[in-house]
Amino acid sequence: MKKGDKVRTKYTSAMVSKGATGVVQDTKNADRFPAMALIDFGSCVCWMFVREVEFLK
């Protein structure tokens, strides 16, 4: 995953609905925590776990 990739959410969360599409703005991968991505959904920008999104081609 890299900046500019388009993604879609797999689950509904407090901030976004299931199936919402967004663009990856930043990624974070620490040893003790799961990989995360900063995703811009247009109406909000939030950090999400990479396992909670699927990549679009």
C-alpha atoms as a PDB file:
ATOM      1  CA  MET A   1       0.000   0.000   0.000  1.00  0.00           C
ATOM      2  CA  LYS A   2       1.266   3.449  -0.858  1.00  0.00           C
ATOM      3  CA  LYS A   3       0.093   7.041  -0.964  1.00  0.00           C
ATOM      4  CA  GLY A   4      -2.568   7.592  -3.616  1.00  0.00           C
ATOM      5  CA  ASP A   5      -4.020   4.052  -3.581  1.00  0.00           C
ATOM      6  CA  LYS A   6      -7.827   3.863  -3.651  1.00  0.00           C
ATOM      7  CA  VAL A   7      -9.488   1.731  -0.970  1.00  0.00           C
ATOM      8  CA  ARG A   8     -12.980   0.685   0.133  1.00  0.00           C
ATOM      9  CA  THR A   9     -14.047  -0.059   3.713  1.00  0.00           C
ATOM     10  CA  LYS A  10     -15.098  -3.608   4.612  1.00  0.00           C
ATOM     11  CA  TYR A  11     -17.013  -2.667   7.782  1.00  0.00           C
ATOM     12  CA  THR A  12     -19.096   0.180   9.184  1.00  0.00           C
ATOM     13  CA  SER A  13     -17.327   2.276  11.811  1.00  0.00           C
ATOM     14  CA  ALA A  14     -18.207   5.363  13.833  1.00  0.00           C
ATOM     15  CA  MET A  15     -16.811   7.637  11.093  1.00  0.00           C
ATOM     16  CA  VAL A  16     -17.561   5.903   7.767  1.00  0.00           C
ATOM     17  CA  SER A  17     -20.060   3.460   6.283  1.00  0.00           C
ATOM     18  CA  LYS A  18     -19.349   0.058   4.811  1.00  0.00           C
ATOM     19  CA  GLY A  19     -18.286   0.408   1.176  1.00  0.00           C
ATOM     20  CA  ALA A  20     -17.086   4.008   1.485  1.00  0.00           C
ATOM     21  CA  THR A  21     -14.207   4.736  -0.898  1.00  0.00           C
ATOM     22  CA  GLY A  22     -11.202   6.886  -0.094  1.00  0.00           C
ATOM     23  CA  VAL A  23      -7.605   7.666  -0.977  1.00  0.00           C
ATOM     24  CA  VAL A  24      -4.597   6.680   1.154  1.00  0.00           C
ATOM     25  CA  GLN A  25      -2.704   9.747   2.405  1.00  0.00           C
ATOM     26  CA  ASP A  26      -0.137   8.118   4.727  1.00  0.00           C
ATOM     27  CA  THR A  27       0.762   4.742   6.245  1.00  0.00           C
ATOM     28  CA  LYS A  28       2.164   3.669   9.602  1.00  0.00           C
ATOM     29  CA  ASN A  29       3.653   0.268  10.323  1.00  0.00           C
ATOM     30  CA  ALA A  30       5.109  -0.160  13.833  1.00  0.00           C
ATOM     31  CA  ASP A  31       6.389  -3.402  15.289  1.00  0.00           C
ATOM     32  CA  ARG A  32       3.958  -3.576  18.202  1.00  0.00           C
ATOM     33  CA  PHE A  33       0.833  -2.324  16.421  1.00  0.00           C
ATOM     34  CA  PRO A  34      -1.090  -3.468  13.322  1.00  0.00           C
ATOM     35  CA  ALA A  35      -0.472  -1.573  10.077  1.00  0.00           C
ATOM     36  CA  MET A  36      -2.578   1.583   9.751  1.00  0.00           C
ATOM     37  CA  ALA A  37      -3.410   3.975   6.949  1.00  0.00           C
ATOM     38  CA  LEU A  38      -4.551   7.600   6.953  1.00  0.00           C
ATOM     39  CA  ILE A  39      -7.452   7.667   4.502  1.00  0.00           C
ATOM     40  CA  ASP A  40      -9.212  10.698   3.016  1.00  0.00           C
ATOM     41  CA  PHE A  41     -12.906   9.907   2.434  1.00  0.00           C
ATOM     42  CA  GLY A  42     -13.811  13.399   1.251  1.00  0.00           C
ATOM     43  CA  SER A  43     -16.053  14.167   4.218  1.00  0.00           C
ATOM     44  CA  CYS A  44     -13.462  13.091   6.801  1.00  0.00           C
ATOM     45  CA  VAL A  45      -9.872  11.961   7.135  1.00  0.00           C
ATOM     46  CA  CYS A  46      -9.176   9.177   9.637  1.00  0.00           C
ATOM     47  CA  TRP A  47      -6.712   6.463  10.579  1.00  0.00           C
ATOM     48  CA  MET A  48      -7.923   2.914   9.866  1.00  0.00           C
ATOM     49  CA  PHE A  49      -6.382  -0.523  10.228  1.00  0.00           C
ATOM     50  CA  VAL A  50      -5.201  -1.881   6.885  1.00  0.00           C
ATOM     51  CA  ARG A  51      -7.080  -5.144   7.564  1.00  0.00           C
ATOM     52  CA  GLU A  52     -10.364  -3.169   7.555  1.00  0.00           C
ATOM     53  CA  VAL A  53     -10.031  -1.939   3.950  1.00  0.00           C
ATOM     54  CA  GLU A  54      -9.819  -3.573   0.545  1.00  0.00           C
ATOM     55  CA  PHE A  55      -7.815  -2.161  -2.331  1.00  0.00           C
ATOM     56  CA  LEU A  56      -9.431  -1.031  -5.572  1.00  0.00           C
ATOM     57  CA  LYS A  57      -7.739  -1.307  -8.939  1.00  0.00           C
END
